[in-house]
Amino acid sequence: MKIFDMLAQKLNIKNSKHQIAGATNPIEENSGNEFLNTMSKHALKLYEKQCDIKNFTKLALSDPENTSHNERVEQLLKDGVFDPLEDTVIEELAKNKELWDDLGL
């Protein structure tokens, strides 16, 4: 989001130097036009969502034949890190009274 912040900052500097009568900056929060403020926020959220989807897709499809993560998990299990999906670990969590108290259940 640094790119969007930099763009907004440049637009604000540019607009402050060359003010056009009757024109408003839709990125500016204090424009007084609630519709433009809402649309700008909505557009920003859509842009962030699109960036997240692109980054996730790039990561997920980067190299489907790369299985180095499986080797890392096996090494962690050999080093004594517990598997959070084991039945015994889940049972221990289910019986943990402090956890239930923290959850308010």
PDB file of N, CA and C in Angstrom:
ATOM      1  N   MET A   1       0.811  -1.182   0.000  1.00  0.00           N
ATOM      2  CA  MET A   1       0.000   0.000   0.000  1.00  0.00           C
ATOM      3  C   MET A   1       0.865   1.262   0.000  1.00  0.00           C
ATOM      4  N   LYS A   2       2.163   1.082   0.065  1.00  0.00           N
ATOM      5  CA  LYS A   2       3.038   2.246   0.038  1.00  0.00           C
ATOM      6  C   LYS A   2       2.908   2.980  -1.291  1.00  0.00           C
ATOM      7  N   ILE A   3       2.688   2.218  -2.361  1.00  0.00           N
ATOM      8  CA  ILE A   3       2.563   2.841  -3.672  1.00  0.00           C
ATOM      9  C   ILE A   3       1.359   3.769  -3.701  1.00  0.00           C
ATOM     10  N   PHE A   4       0.229   3.289  -3.164  1.00  0.00           N
ATOM     11  CA  PHE A   4      -0.983   4.104  -3.167  1.00  0.00           C
ATOM     12  C   PHE A   4      -0.802   5.336  -2.288  1.00  0.00           C
ATOM     13  N   ASP A   5      -0.151   5.170  -1.145  1.00  0.00           N
ATOM     14  CA  ASP A   5       0.095   6.314  -0.263  1.00  0.00           C
ATOM     15  C   ASP A   5       0.984   7.351  -0.943  1.00  0.00           C
ATOM     16  N   MET A   6       2.010   6.866  -1.653  1.00  0.00           N
ATOM     17  CA  MET A   6       2.900   7.790  -2.351  1.00  0.00           C
ATOM     18  C   MET A   6       2.143   8.522  -3.459  1.00  0.00           C
ATOM     19  N   LEU A   7       1.284   7.796  -4.185  1.00  0.00           N
ATOM     20  CA  LEU A   7       0.491   8.417  -5.238  1.00  0.00           C
ATOM     21  C   LEU A   7      -0.444   9.476  -4.663  1.00  0.00           C
ATOM     22  N   ALA A   8      -1.099   9.150  -3.570  1.00  0.00           N
ATOM     23  CA  ALA A   8      -2.009  10.108  -2.939  1.00  0.00           C
ATOM     24  C   ALA A   8      -1.256  11.343  -2.464  1.00  0.00           C
ATOM     25  N   GLN A   9      -0.067  11.125  -1.915  1.00  0.00           N
ATOM     26  CA  GLN A   9       0.737  12.259  -1.444  1.00  0.00           C
ATOM     27  C   GLN A   9       1.157  13.139  -2.618  1.00  0.00           C
ATOM     28  N   LYS A  10       1.566  12.520  -3.733  1.00  0.00           N
ATOM     29  CA  LYS A  10       1.962  13.295  -4.907  1.00  0.00           C
ATOM     30  C   LYS A  10       0.771  14.068  -5.467  1.00  0.00           C
ATOM     31  N   LEU A  11      -0.399  13.418  -5.481  1.00  0.00           N
ATOM     32  CA  LEU A  11      -1.593  14.109  -5.971  1.00  0.00           C
ATOM     33  C   LEU A  11      -1.933  15.304  -5.094  1.00  0.00           C
ATOM     34  N   ASN A  12      -1.811  15.146  -3.793  1.00  0.00           N
ATOM     35  CA  ASN A  12      -2.105  16.252  -2.880  1.00  0.00           C
ATOM     36  C   ASN A  12      -1.119  17.402  -3.078  1.00  0.00           C
ATOM     37  N   ILE A  13       0.160  17.111  -3.264  1.00  0.00           N
ATOM     38  CA  ILE A  13       1.162  18.156  -3.491  1.00  0.00           C
ATOM     39  C   ILE A  13       0.897  18.841  -4.823  1.00  0.00           C
ATOM     40  N   LYS A  14       0.617  18.040  -5.844  1.00  0.00           N
ATOM     41  CA  LYS A  14       0.372  18.594  -7.168  1.00  0.00           C
ATOM     42  C   LYS A  14      -0.869  19.486  -7.165  1.00  0.00           C
ATOM     43  N   ASN A  15      -1.926  19.024  -6.507  1.00  0.00           N
ATOM     44  CA  ASN A  15      -3.161  19.801  -6.462  1.00  0.00           C
ATOM     45  C   ASN A  15      -3.011  21.069  -5.633  1.00  0.00           C
ATOM     46  N   SER A  16      -2.173  21.021  -4.611  1.00  0.00           N
ATOM     47  CA  SER A  16      -2.001  22.231  -3.795  1.00  0.00           C
ATOM     48  C   SER A  16      -1.234  23.306  -4.572  1.00  0.00           C
ATOM     49  N   LYS A  17      -0.374  22.881  -5.506  1.00  0.00           N
ATOM     50  CA  LYS A  17       0.370  23.849  -6.307  1.00  0.00           C
ATOM     51  C   LYS A  17      -0.501  24.455  -7.396  1.00  0.00           C
ATOM     52  N   HIS A  18      -1.328  23.631  -8.020  1.00  0.00           N
ATOM     53  CA  HIS A  18      -2.154  24.089  -9.134  1.00  0.00           C
ATOM     54  C   HIS A  18      -3.625  23.854  -8.801  1.00  0.00           C
ATOM     55  N   GLN A  19      -4.196  24.735  -8.059  1.00  0.00           N
ATOM     56  CA  GLN A  19      -5.597  24.619  -7.671  1.00  0.00           C
ATOM     57  C   GLN A  19      -6.488  25.007  -8.850  1.00  0.00           C
ATOM     58  N   ILE A  20      -7.444  24.133  -9.137  1.00  0.00           N
ATOM     59  CA  ILE A  20      -8.410  24.421 -10.194  1.00  0.00           C
ATOM     60  C   ILE A  20      -9.719  24.766  -9.508  1.00  0.00           C
ATOM     61  N   ALA A  21     -10.333  25.860  -9.906  1.00  0.00           N
ATOM     62  CA  ALA A  21     -11.567  26.304  -9.261  1.00  0.00           C
ATOM     63  C   ALA A  21     -12.667  25.274  -9.469  1.00  0.00           C
ATOM     64  N   GLY A  22     -13.308  24.848  -8.394  1.00  0.00           N
ATOM     65  CA  GLY A  22     -14.435  23.931  -8.458  1.00  0.00           C
ATOM     66  C   GLY A  22     -14.039  22.467  -8.475  1.00  0.00           C
ATOM     67  N   ALA A  23     -12.775  22.126  -8.628  1.00  0.00           N
ATOM     68  CA  ALA A  23     -12.339  20.731  -8.658  1.00  0.00           C
ATOM     69  C   ALA A  23     -11.938  20.296  -7.256  1.00  0.00           C
ATOM     70  N   THR A  24     -12.264  19.056  -6.926  1.00  0.00           N
ATOM     71  CA  THR A  24     -11.879  18.507  -5.627  1.00  0.00           C
ATOM     72  C   THR A  24     -11.089  17.234  -5.843  1.00  0.00           C
ATOM     73  N   ASN A  25     -10.306  16.897  -4.885  1.00  0.00           N
ATOM     74  CA  ASN A  25      -9.516  15.678  -4.919  1.00  0.00           C
ATOM     75  C   ASN A  25     -10.315  14.577  -4.236  1.00  0.00           C
ATOM     76  N   PRO A  26     -10.722  13.529  -4.952  1.00  0.00           N
ATOM     77  CA  PRO A  26     -11.534  12.482  -4.330  1.00  0.00           C
ATOM     78  C   PRO A  26     -10.775  11.675  -3.289  1.00  0.00           C
ATOM     79  N   ILE A  27      -9.462  11.724  -3.294  1.00  0.00           N
ATOM     80  CA  ILE A  27      -8.681  10.990  -2.307  1.00  0.00           C
ATOM     81  C   ILE A  27      -8.693  11.714  -0.971  1.00  0.00           C
ATOM     82  N   GLU A  28      -8.837  13.013  -1.009  1.00  0.00           N
ATOM     83  CA  GLU A  28      -8.799  13.835   0.190  1.00  0.00           C
ATOM     84  C   GLU A  28     -10.008  13.529   1.085  1.00  0.00           C
ATOM     85  N   GLU A  29      -9.762  13.301   2.357  1.00  0.00           N
ATOM     86  CA  GLU A  29     -10.827  12.936   3.292  1.00  0.00           C
ATOM     87  C   GLU A  29     -11.764  14.097   3.589  1.00  0.00           C
ATOM     88  N   ASN A  30     -11.283  15.303   3.566  1.00  0.00           N
ATOM     89  CA  ASN A  30     -12.071  16.458   3.975  1.00  0.00           C
ATOM     90  C   ASN A  30     -12.691  17.185   2.783  1.00  0.00           C
ATOM     91  N   SER A  31     -13.046  16.444   1.755  1.00  0.00           N
ATOM     92  CA  SER A  31     -13.584  17.110   0.572  1.00  0.00           C
ATOM     93  C   SER A  31     -15.013  17.586   0.795  1.00  0.00           C
ATOM     94  N   GLY A  32     -15.692  17.063   1.810  1.00  0.00           N
ATOM     95  CA  GLY A  32     -17.049  17.496   2.092  1.00  0.00           C
ATOM     96  C   GLY A  32     -18.098  16.725   1.316  1.00  0.00           C
ATOM     97  N   ASN A  33     -17.675  15.936   0.357  1.00  0.00           N
ATOM     98  CA  ASN A  33     -18.603  15.151  -0.433  1.00  0.00           C
ATOM     99  C   ASN A  33     -18.558  13.707   0.061  1.00  0.00           C
ATOM    100  N   GLU A  34     -19.568  13.313   0.801  1.00  0.00           N
ATOM    101  CA  GLU A  34     -19.596  11.989   1.420  1.00  0.00           C
ATOM    102  C   GLU A  34     -19.603  10.882   0.372  1.00  0.00           C
ATOM    103  N   PHE A  35     -20.293  11.117  -0.742  1.00  0.00           N
ATOM    104  CA  PHE A  35     -20.352  10.114  -1.803  1.00  0.00           C
ATOM    105  C   PHE A  35     -18.953   9.823  -2.355  1.00  0.00           C
ATOM    106  N   LEU A  36     -18.174  10.879  -2.632  1.00  0.00           N
ATOM    107  CA  LEU A  36     -16.824  10.681  -3.148  1.00  0.00           C
ATOM    108  C   LEU A  36     -15.922  10.018  -2.118  1.00  0.00           C
ATOM    109  N   ASN A  37     -16.066  10.403  -0.858  1.00  0.00           N
ATOM    110  CA  ASN A  37     -15.261   9.781   0.195  1.00  0.00           C
ATOM    111  C   ASN A  37     -15.549   8.289   0.292  1.00  0.00           C
ATOM    112  N   THR A  38     -16.836   7.934   0.242  1.00  0.00           N
ATOM    113  CA  THR A  38     -17.226   6.528   0.329  1.00  0.00           C
ATOM    114  C   THR A  38     -16.717   5.755  -0.881  1.00  0.00           C
ATOM    115  N   MET A  39     -16.869   6.332  -2.064  1.00  0.00           N
ATOM    116  CA  MET A  39     -16.416   5.663  -3.276  1.00  0.00           C
ATOM    117  C   MET A  39     -14.902   5.499  -3.276  1.00  0.00           C
ATOM    118  N   SER A  40     -14.173   6.498  -2.779  1.00  0.00           N
ATOM    119  CA  SER A  40     -12.714   6.412  -2.726  1.00  0.00           C
ATOM    120  C   SER A  40     -12.282   5.301  -1.776  1.00  0.00           C
ATOM    121  N   LYS A  41     -12.927   5.211  -0.623  1.00  0.00           N
ATOM    122  CA  LYS A  41     -12.602   4.151   0.332  1.00  0.00           C
ATOM    123  C   LYS A  41     -12.918   2.786  -0.258  1.00  0.00           C
ATOM    124  N   HIS A  42     -14.062   2.694  -0.939  1.00  0.00           N
ATOM    125  CA  HIS A  42     -14.457   1.429  -1.562  1.00  0.00           C
ATOM    126  C   HIS A  42     -13.458   1.037  -2.651  1.00  0.00           C
ATOM    127  N   ALA A  43     -13.051   2.008  -3.473  1.00  0.00           N
ATOM    128  CA  ALA A  43     -12.074   1.742  -4.535  1.00  0.00           C
ATOM    129  C   ALA A  43     -10.746   1.279  -3.946  1.00  0.00           C
ATOM    130  N   LEU A  44     -10.323   1.881  -2.846  1.00  0.00           N
ATOM    131  CA  LEU A  44      -9.088   1.488  -2.195  1.00  0.00           C
ATOM    132  C   LEU A  44      -9.179   0.051  -1.679  1.00  0.00           C
ATOM    133  N   LYS A  45     -10.309  -0.306  -1.070  1.00  0.00           N
ATOM    134  CA  LYS A  45     -10.487  -1.674  -0.571  1.00  0.00           C
ATOM    135  C   LYS A  45     -10.462  -2.674  -1.723  1.00  0.00           C
ATOM    136  N   LEU A  46     -11.109  -2.332  -2.837  1.00  0.00           N
ATOM    137  CA  LEU A  46     -11.087  -3.219  -4.001  1.00  0.00           C
ATOM    138  C   LEU A  46      -9.667  -3.376  -4.545  1.00  0.00           C
ATOM    139  N   TYR A  47      -8.931  -2.277  -4.586  1.00  0.00           N
ATOM    140  CA  TYR A  47      -7.553  -2.327  -5.055  1.00  0.00           C
ATOM    141  C   TYR A  47      -6.700  -3.214  -4.138  1.00  0.00           C
ATOM    142  N   GLU A  48      -6.840  -3.057  -2.830  1.00  0.00           N
ATOM    143  CA  GLU A  48      -6.093  -3.883  -1.880  1.00  0.00           C
ATOM    144  C   GLU A  48      -6.457  -5.354  -2.049  1.00  0.00           C
ATOM    145  N   LYS A  49      -7.739  -5.635  -2.234  1.00  0.00           N
ATOM    146  CA  LYS A  49      -8.187  -7.015  -2.416  1.00  0.00           C
ATOM    147  C   LYS A  49      -7.587  -7.607  -3.681  1.00  0.00           C
ATOM    148  N   GLN A  50      -7.581  -6.834  -4.748  1.00  0.00           N
ATOM    149  CA  GLN A  50      -7.024  -7.296  -6.011  1.00  0.00           C
ATOM    150  C   GLN A  50      -5.525  -7.586  -5.862  1.00  0.00           C
ATOM    151  N   CYS A  51      -4.810  -6.717  -5.155  1.00  0.00           N
ATOM    152  CA  CYS A  51      -3.383  -6.939  -4.920  1.00  0.00           C
ATOM    153  C   CYS A  51      -3.153  -8.199  -4.092  1.00  0.00           C
ATOM    154  N   ASP A  52      -3.978  -8.414  -3.070  1.00  0.00           N
ATOM    155  CA  ASP A  52      -3.851  -9.610  -2.241  1.00  0.00           C
ATOM    156  C   ASP A  52      -4.072 -10.871  -3.061  1.00  0.00           C
ATOM    157  N   ILE A  53      -5.093 -10.845  -3.923  1.00  0.00           N
ATOM    158  CA  ILE A  53      -5.384 -12.012  -4.759  1.00  0.00           C
ATOM    159  C   ILE A  53      -4.237 -12.282  -5.716  1.00  0.00           C
ATOM    160  N   LYS A  54      -3.701 -11.232  -6.342  1.00  0.00           N
ATOM    161  CA  LYS A  54      -2.580 -11.407  -7.267  1.00  0.00           C
ATOM    162  C   LYS A  54      -1.358 -11.967  -6.549  1.00  0.00           C
ATOM    163  N   ASN A  55      -1.052 -11.430  -5.372  1.00  0.00           N
ATOM    164  CA  ASN A  55       0.117 -11.905  -4.625  1.00  0.00           C
ATOM    165  C   ASN A  55      -0.061 -13.344  -4.169  1.00  0.00           C
ATOM    166  N   PHE A  56      -1.258 -13.700  -3.706  1.00  0.00           N
ATOM    167  CA  PHE A  56      -1.507 -15.074  -3.271  1.00  0.00           C
ATOM    168  C   PHE A  56      -1.403 -16.033  -4.453  1.00  0.00           C
ATOM    169  N   THR A  57      -1.994 -15.653  -5.584  1.00  0.00           N
ATOM    170  CA  THR A  57      -1.941 -16.503  -6.770  1.00  0.00           C
ATOM    171  C   THR A  57      -0.504 -16.693  -7.228  1.00  0.00           C
ATOM    172  N   LYS A  58       0.267 -15.623  -7.213  1.00  0.00           N
ATOM    173  CA  LYS A  58       1.675 -15.699  -7.605  1.00  0.00           C
ATOM    174  C   LYS A  58       2.435 -16.645  -6.682  1.00  0.00           C
ATOM    175  N   LEU A  59       2.151 -16.552  -5.396  1.00  0.00           N
ATOM    176  CA  LEU A  59       2.820 -17.414  -4.428  1.00  0.00           C
ATOM    177  C   LEU A  59       2.377 -18.865  -4.574  1.00  0.00           C
ATOM    178  N   ALA A  60       1.075 -19.076  -4.712  1.00  0.00           N
ATOM    179  CA  ALA A  60       0.536 -20.441  -4.766  1.00  0.00           C
ATOM    180  C   ALA A  60       0.939 -21.168  -6.043  1.00  0.00           C
ATOM    181  N   LEU A  61       1.041 -20.441  -7.132  1.00  0.00           N
ATOM    182  CA  LEU A  61       1.347 -21.081  -8.411  1.00  0.00           C
ATOM    183  C   LEU A  61       2.786 -20.882  -8.856  1.00  0.00           C
ATOM    184  N   SER A  62       3.648 -20.443  -7.949  1.00  0.00           N
ATOM    185  CA  SER A  62       5.014 -20.107  -8.333  1.00  0.00           C
ATOM    186  C   SER A  62       5.752 -21.309  -8.919  1.00  0.00           C
ATOM    187  N   ASP A  63       5.768 -22.421  -8.212  1.00  0.00           N
ATOM    188  CA  ASP A  63       6.440 -23.616  -8.708  1.00  0.00           C
ATOM    189  C   ASP A  63       5.756 -24.833  -8.087  1.00  0.00           C
ATOM    190  N   PRO A  64       4.775 -25.395  -8.778  1.00  0.00           N
ATOM    191  CA  PRO A  64       4.015 -26.502  -8.184  1.00  0.00           C
ATOM    192  C   PRO A  64       4.850 -27.761  -7.937  1.00  0.00           C
ATOM    193  N   GLU A  65       5.992 -27.876  -8.589  1.00  0.00           N
ATOM    194  CA  GLU A  65       6.815 -29.072  -8.406  1.00  0.00           C
ATOM    195  C   GLU A  65       7.836 -28.906  -7.285  1.00  0.00           C
ATOM    196  N   ASN A  66       7.886 -27.747  -6.668  1.00  0.00           N
ATOM    197  CA  ASN A  66       8.792 -27.498  -5.558  1.00  0.00           C
ATOM    198  C   ASN A  66       8.163 -28.064  -4.290  1.00  0.00           C
ATOM    199  N   THR A  67       8.771 -29.098  -3.751  1.00  0.00           N
ATOM    200  CA  THR A  67       8.237 -29.742  -2.542  1.00  0.00           C
ATOM    201  C   THR A  67       9.172 -29.546  -1.346  1.00  0.00           C
ATOM    202  N   SER A  68       9.953 -28.490  -1.370  1.00  0.00           N
ATOM    203  CA  SER A  68      10.898 -28.254  -0.278  1.00  0.00           C
ATOM    204  C   SER A  68      10.184 -28.034   1.051  1.00  0.00           C
ATOM    205  N   HIS A  69       8.936 -27.563   0.999  1.00  0.00           N
ATOM    206  CA  HIS A  69       8.202 -27.336   2.241  1.00  0.00           C
ATOM    207  C   HIS A  69       7.944 -28.653   2.975  1.00  0.00           C
ATOM    208  N   ASN A  70       7.743 -29.729   2.236  1.00  0.00           N
ATOM    209  CA  ASN A  70       7.543 -31.034   2.876  1.00  0.00           C
ATOM    210  C   ASN A  70       8.798 -31.461   3.630  1.00  0.00           C
ATOM    211  N   GLU A  71       9.952 -31.213   3.063  1.00  0.00           N
ATOM    212  CA  GLU A  71      11.212 -31.550   3.728  1.00  0.00           C
ATOM    213  C   GLU A  71      11.386 -30.715   4.994  1.00  0.00           C
ATOM    214  N   ARG A  72      11.010 -29.452   4.939  1.00  0.00           N
ATOM    215  CA  ARG A  72      11.115 -28.586   6.122  1.00  0.00           C
ATOM    216  C   ARG A  72      10.211 -29.072   7.247  1.00  0.00           C
ATOM    217  N   VAL A  73       8.984 -29.474   6.894  1.00  0.00           N
ATOM    218  CA  VAL A  73       8.054 -29.970   7.906  1.00  0.00           C
ATOM    219  C   VAL A  73       8.594 -31.251   8.524  1.00  0.00           C
ATOM    220  N   GLU A  74       9.111 -32.155   7.707  1.00  0.00           N
ATOM    221  CA  GLU A  74       9.683 -33.398   8.234  1.00  0.00           C
ATOM    222  C   GLU A  74      10.847 -33.110   9.177  1.00  0.00           C
ATOM    223  N   GLN A  75      11.693 -32.147   8.817  1.00  0.00           N
ATOM    224  CA  GLN A  75      12.823 -31.792   9.673  1.00  0.00           C
ATOM    225  C   GLN A  75      12.337 -31.195  10.998  1.00  0.00           C
ATOM    226  N   LEU A  76      11.311 -30.360  10.954  1.00  0.00           N
ATOM    227  CA  LEU A  76      10.767 -29.789  12.189  1.00  0.00           C
ATOM    228  C   LEU A  76      10.195 -30.879  13.089  1.00  0.00           C
ATOM    229  N   LEU A  77       9.493 -31.842  12.509  1.00  0.00           N
ATOM    230  CA  LEU A  77       8.930 -32.936  13.302  1.00  0.00           C
ATOM    231  C   LEU A  77      10.037 -33.783  13.925  1.00  0.00           C
ATOM    232  N   LYS A  78      11.144 -33.971  13.190  1.00  0.00           N
ATOM    233  CA  LYS A  78      12.281 -34.720  13.736  1.00  0.00           C
ATOM    234  C   LYS A  78      12.938 -33.954  14.885  1.00  0.00           C
ATOM    235  N   ASP A  79      12.903 -32.610  14.800  1.00  0.00           N
ATOM    236  CA  ASP A  79      13.529 -31.780  15.834  1.00  0.00           C
ATOM    237  C   ASP A  79      12.669 -31.647  17.085  1.00  0.00           C
ATOM    238  N   GLY A  80      11.484 -32.228  17.084  1.00  0.00           N
ATOM    239  CA  GLY A  80      10.655 -32.235  18.288  1.00  0.00           C
ATOM    240  C   GLY A  80       9.495 -31.263  18.280  1.00  0.00           C
ATOM    241  N   VAL A  81       9.279 -30.562  17.189  1.00  0.00           N
ATOM    242  CA  VAL A  81       8.124 -29.670  17.102  1.00  0.00           C
ATOM    243  C   VAL A  81       6.893 -30.550  16.936  1.00  0.00           C
ATOM    244  N   PHE A  82       5.862 -30.297  17.725  1.00  0.00           N
ATOM    245  CA  PHE A  82       4.688 -31.156  17.666  1.00  0.00           C
ATOM    246  C   PHE A  82       3.794 -30.808  16.480  1.00  0.00           C
ATOM    247  N   ASP A  83       3.110 -31.811  15.974  1.00  0.00           N
ATOM    248  CA  ASP A  83       2.189 -31.638  14.844  1.00  0.00           C
ATOM    249  C   ASP A  83       0.849 -31.168  15.406  1.00  0.00           C
ATOM    250  N   PRO A  84       0.386 -29.979  15.042  1.00  0.00           N
ATOM    251  CA  PRO A  84      -0.850 -29.450  15.613  1.00  0.00           C
ATOM    252  C   PRO A  84      -2.098 -30.209  15.179  1.00  0.00           C
ATOM    253  N   LEU A  85      -1.971 -31.088  14.199  1.00  0.00           N
ATOM    254  CA  LEU A  85      -3.139 -31.833  13.733  1.00  0.00           C
ATOM    255  C   LEU A  85      -3.204 -33.248  14.293  1.00  0.00           C
ATOM    256  N   GLU A  86      -2.272 -33.618  15.157  1.00  0.00           N
ATOM    257  CA  GLU A  86      -2.320 -34.936  15.777  1.00  0.00           C
ATOM    258  C   GLU A  86      -3.505 -35.020  16.730  1.00  0.00           C
ATOM    259  N   ASP A  87      -4.065 -36.203  16.829  1.00  0.00           N
ATOM    260  CA  ASP A  87      -5.228 -36.404  17.696  1.00  0.00           C
ATOM    261  C   ASP A  87      -4.908 -36.117  19.156  1.00  0.00           C
ATOM    262  N   THR A  88      -3.714 -36.492  19.609  1.00  0.00           N
ATOM    263  CA  THR A  88      -3.361 -36.279  21.017  1.00  0.00           C
ATOM    264  C   THR A  88      -3.261 -34.782  21.333  1.00  0.00           C
ATOM    265  N   VAL A  89      -2.737 -34.011  20.394  1.00  0.00           N
ATOM    266  CA  VAL A  89      -2.611 -32.566  20.613  1.00  0.00           C
ATOM    267  C   VAL A  89      -3.998 -31.931  20.669  1.00  0.00           C
ATOM    268  N   ILE A  90      -4.881 -32.347  19.795  1.00  0.00           N
ATOM    269  CA  ILE A  90      -6.253 -31.809  19.784  1.00  0.00           C
ATOM    270  C   ILE A  90      -6.979 -32.191  21.063  1.00  0.00           C
ATOM    271  N   GLU A  91      -6.767 -33.414  21.533  1.00  0.00           N
ATOM    272  CA  GLU A  91      -7.391 -33.848  22.791  1.00  0.00           C
ATOM    273  C   GLU A  91      -6.897 -33.013  23.967  1.00  0.00           C
ATOM    274  N   GLU A  92      -5.595 -32.742  23.986  1.00  0.00           N
ATOM    275  CA  GLU A  92      -5.034 -31.920  25.063  1.00  0.00           C
ATOM    276  C   GLU A  92      -5.634 -30.513  25.053  1.00  0.00           C
ATOM    277  N   LEU A  93      -5.808 -29.952  23.863  1.00  0.00           N
ATOM    278  CA  LEU A  93      -6.428 -28.630  23.767  1.00  0.00           C
ATOM    279  C   LEU A  93      -7.885 -28.671  24.224  1.00  0.00           C
ATOM    280  N   ALA A  94      -8.584 -29.745  23.890  1.00  0.00           N
ATOM    281  CA  ALA A  94      -9.991 -29.861  24.275  1.00  0.00           C
ATOM    282  C   ALA A  94     -10.139 -29.998  25.790  1.00  0.00           C
ATOM    283  N   LYS A  95      -9.144 -30.561  26.459  1.00  0.00           N
ATOM    284  CA  LYS A  95      -9.205 -30.766  27.907  1.00  0.00           C
ATOM    285  C   LYS A  95      -8.556 -29.626  28.688  1.00  0.00           C
ATOM    286  N   ASN A  96      -8.004 -28.654  28.007  1.00  0.00           N
ATOM    287  CA  ASN A  96      -7.279 -27.567  28.655  1.00  0.00           C
ATOM    288  C   ASN A  96      -8.276 -26.556  29.231  1.00  0.00           C
ATOM    289  N   LYS A  97      -8.433 -26.581  30.567  1.00  0.00           N
ATOM    290  CA  LYS A  97      -9.394 -25.706  31.233  1.00  0.00           C
ATOM    291  C   LYS A  97      -9.023 -24.228  31.083  1.00  0.00           C
ATOM    292  N   GLU A  98      -7.728 -23.901  31.132  1.00  0.00           N
ATOM    293  CA  GLU A  98      -7.307 -22.506  30.973  1.00  0.00           C
ATOM    294  C   GLU A  98      -7.705 -21.951  29.602  1.00  0.00           C
ATOM    295  N   LEU A  99      -7.573 -22.784  28.570  1.00  0.00           N
ATOM    296  CA  LEU A  99      -7.976 -22.359  27.236  1.00  0.00           C
ATOM    297  C   LEU A  99      -9.469 -22.083  27.186  1.00  0.00           C
ATOM    298  N   TRP A 100     -10.258 -22.950  27.771  1.00  0.00           N
ATOM    299  CA  TRP A 100     -11.717 -22.758  27.792  1.00  0.00           C
ATOM    300  C   TRP A 100     -12.080 -21.490  28.556  1.00  0.00           C
ATOM    301  N   ASP A 101     -11.382 -21.249  29.670  1.00  0.00           N
ATOM    302  CA  ASP A 101     -11.638 -20.040  30.448  1.00  0.00           C
ATOM    303  C   ASP A 101     -11.283 -18.785  29.664  1.00  0.00           C
ATOM    304  N   ASP A 102     -10.131 -18.831  28.958  1.00  0.00           N
ATOM    305  CA  ASP A 102      -9.715 -17.688  28.144  1.00  0.00           C
ATOM    306  C   ASP A 102     -10.718 -17.406  27.032  1.00  0.00           C
ATOM    307  N   LEU A 103     -11.295 -18.465  26.486  1.00  0.00           N
ATOM    308  CA  LEU A 103     -12.285 -18.301  25.424  1.00  0.00           C
ATOM    309  C   LEU A 103     -13.662 -17.884  25.963  1.00  0.00           C
ATOM    310  N   GLY A 104     -13.812 -17.949  27.270  1.00  0.00           N
ATOM    311  CA  GLY A 104     -15.074 -17.555  27.886  1.00  0.00           C
ATOM    312  C   GLY A 104     -16.158 -18.619  27.725  1.00  0.00           C
ATOM    313  N   LEU A 105     -15.743 -19.853  27.597  1.00  0.00           N
ATOM    314  CA  LEU A 105     -16.711 -20.949  27.417  1.00  0.00           C
ATOM    315  C   LEU A 105     -16.800 -21.816  28.651  1.00  0.00           C
TER     316      LEU A 105
END
